[in-house]
Structure formats: C-alpha cells, structure tokens
Amino acid sequence: MRERNATQADGEAVVFFVRCDGKPHGYLNRCAHVPMELDWNEGQFFESSGLLYLMCATHGAIYEPDTGKCVGGPCRGGRLRHVEVEERDTPEGRAVFWLPDDTLRPA
C-alpha cells in the first residue's frame, strides 16, 4: 500500500492505494462517518484478517476494498471518496498512477 499527500478545497489530505483481486484502487484517507484518517498505523488500512475489508481505526466502520462502500459500522451504505488510478507498463515494470481530478490533486 502506498500513500500520497494531496490538496483539496478544505486543505491538506492523504490518498492511499490498495490492491483487491489483483486490481489497484485508490481512496481519500478519510472515513465516511467522521472526517478522520482510517489507518491504524501509517499505511495500515486492512482489518486484522489482512485483506477482507478496509477498516476505520477510530469508529470501526468497514469498507469493501474494491468499491469503498461501507458494509458495517456507523456509516453503513456510505462510501469512501474514490481516487481514479490506472496501471501501466513502465521500463521498471507495472506501476500504478493516480489520475487527479479538479477537486483532489497531488500536494
């Protein structure tokens, strides 16, 4: 998993990238329930089983890693803010690239 600093209208933010079923996914590191970062320790987003769900360390909300949909906890039905990513071939091998939008950009 990787994290990158970002900026958005209300200030600084962090985005993170995970793999689920071999595909990369990116999200804003902010719980859908309360705007707090999700990770337990820096870069640790998955609950204790390791790869089933992303989990908010503060409220225990759990999210599907491939959709960002909250499937348990105080924000059930909510979603993490998706970050568009693309995987490409590079001279060093396959790499994941963040495709910023107008509201969330690299810092």
Protein backbone atom coordinates (compact mmCIF):
# COMPACT_ATOMS: atom_id res chain seq x y z
CA MET A 1 0.00 0.00 0.00
CA ARG A 2 1.13 3.49 -0.75
CA GLU A 3 0.05 6.88 0.46
CA ARG A 4 0.45 10.28 -1.17
CA ASN A 5 -0.12 13.76 0.15
CA ALA A 6 -2.90 15.67 -1.59
CA THR A 7 -4.69 19.00 -1.53
CA GLN A 8 -8.38 19.72 -1.80
CA ALA A 9 -10.65 22.72 -1.26
CA ASP A 10 -10.72 22.33 2.53
CA GLY A 11 -6.96 21.82 2.91
CA GLU A 12 -4.41 19.05 3.01
CA ALA A 13 -5.35 15.40 2.66
CA VAL A 14 -3.82 11.97 2.10
CA VAL A 15 -4.82 9.41 -0.52
CA PHE A 16 -3.97 5.72 -0.39
CA PHE A 17 -3.83 2.85 -2.84
CA VAL A 18 -4.60 -0.82 -2.27
CA ARG A 19 -4.92 -3.97 -4.37
CA CYS A 20 -8.00 -6.15 -4.36
CA ASP A 21 -8.22 -9.22 -6.60
CA GLY A 22 -5.07 -8.02 -8.36
CA LYS A 23 -6.52 -4.62 -9.31
CA PRO A 24 -5.40 -1.26 -7.88
CA HIS A 25 -7.88 1.01 -6.11
CA GLY A 26 -7.38 4.47 -4.63
CA TYR A 27 -9.24 6.40 -1.92
CA LEU A 28 -9.08 9.57 0.10
CA ASN A 29 -7.85 8.62 3.57
CA ARG A 30 -10.99 9.88 5.32
CA CYS A 31 -13.77 7.90 6.99
CA ALA A 32 -17.25 8.40 5.51
CA HIS A 33 -18.67 8.75 9.04
CA VAL A 34 -16.42 11.45 10.52
CA PRO A 35 -13.60 13.09 8.52
CA MET A 36 -10.73 11.28 10.25
CA GLU A 37 -7.95 9.22 8.70
CA LEU A 38 -8.65 5.48 8.55
CA ASP A 39 -5.28 3.83 9.13
CA TRP A 40 -4.40 2.05 12.37
CA ASN A 41 -0.74 2.86 11.93
CA GLU A 42 0.65 4.74 8.98
CA GLY A 43 -0.23 2.76 5.87
CA GLN A 44 -2.25 0.06 7.66
CA PHE A 45 -5.84 0.09 6.39
CA PHE A 46 -6.96 -3.55 6.39
CA GLU A 47 -8.64 -5.13 9.42
CA SER A 48 -6.96 -7.97 11.27
CA SER A 49 -7.75 -10.71 8.72
CA GLY A 50 -5.40 -8.86 6.38
CA LEU A 51 -7.27 -8.35 3.13
CA LEU A 52 -11.04 -8.63 3.50
CA TYR A 53 -12.03 -5.09 4.50
CA LEU A 54 -10.59 -1.64 4.96
CA MET A 55 -11.36 -0.51 8.50
CA CYS A 56 -11.55 2.84 10.26
CA ALA A 57 -9.33 2.71 13.32
CA THR A 58 -11.47 5.29 15.13
CA HIS A 59 -15.04 4.07 14.62
CA GLY A 60 -14.67 0.51 13.33
CA ALA A 61 -16.50 1.19 10.07
CA ILE A 62 -15.58 -1.45 7.47
CA TYR A 63 -15.36 -0.84 3.74
CA GLU A 64 -15.12 -3.11 0.71
CA PRO A 65 -11.63 -2.54 -0.71
CA ASP A 66 -12.79 -2.74 -4.34
CA THR A 67 -15.74 -0.33 -4.07
CA GLY A 68 -15.13 1.76 -0.95
CA LYS A 69 -18.70 1.00 0.18
CA CYS A 70 -19.26 0.90 3.94
CA VAL A 71 -20.72 -2.51 4.80
CA GLY A 72 -20.63 -2.23 8.58
CA GLY A 73 -20.44 0.37 11.29
CA PRO A 74 -21.84 3.86 11.81
CA CYS A 75 -21.76 4.91 8.14
CA ARG A 76 -23.30 1.76 6.62
CA GLY A 77 -24.15 2.45 2.97
CA GLY A 78 -21.74 5.41 2.76
CA ARG A 79 -18.62 5.33 0.61
CA LEU A 80 -15.01 6.35 0.73
CA ARG A 81 -14.05 9.08 -1.75
CA HIS A 82 -12.74 7.16 -4.78
CA VAL A 83 -9.46 8.21 -6.43
CA GLU A 84 -9.05 7.27 -10.09
CA VAL A 85 -5.99 5.10 -10.78
CA GLU A 86 -4.51 3.42 -13.81
CA GLU A 87 -1.93 0.66 -14.05
CA ARG A 88 0.62 0.96 -16.86
CA ASP A 89 3.78 -0.67 -18.13
CA THR A 90 6.96 1.30 -17.40
CA PRO A 91 10.63 0.49 -18.08
CA GLU A 92 10.81 -0.71 -14.43
CA GLY A 93 7.68 -2.91 -14.75
CA ARG A 94 4.00 -2.35 -13.98
CA ALA A 95 3.19 0.81 -11.99
CA VAL A 96 0.04 2.42 -10.61
CA PHE A 97 -0.62 6.07 -11.48
CA TRP A 98 -3.05 8.41 -9.76
CA LEU A 99 -5.27 10.32 -12.21
CA PRO A 100 -6.11 13.52 -10.26
CA ASP A 101 -9.37 15.38 -10.74
CA ASP A 102 -10.37 19.02 -10.28
CA THR A 103 -11.10 18.68 -6.55
CA LEU A 104 -8.31 16.41 -5.30
CA ARG A 105 -4.74 16.91 -6.52
CA PRO A 106 -1.22 15.84 -5.51
CA ALA A 107 0.37 18.19 -3.00
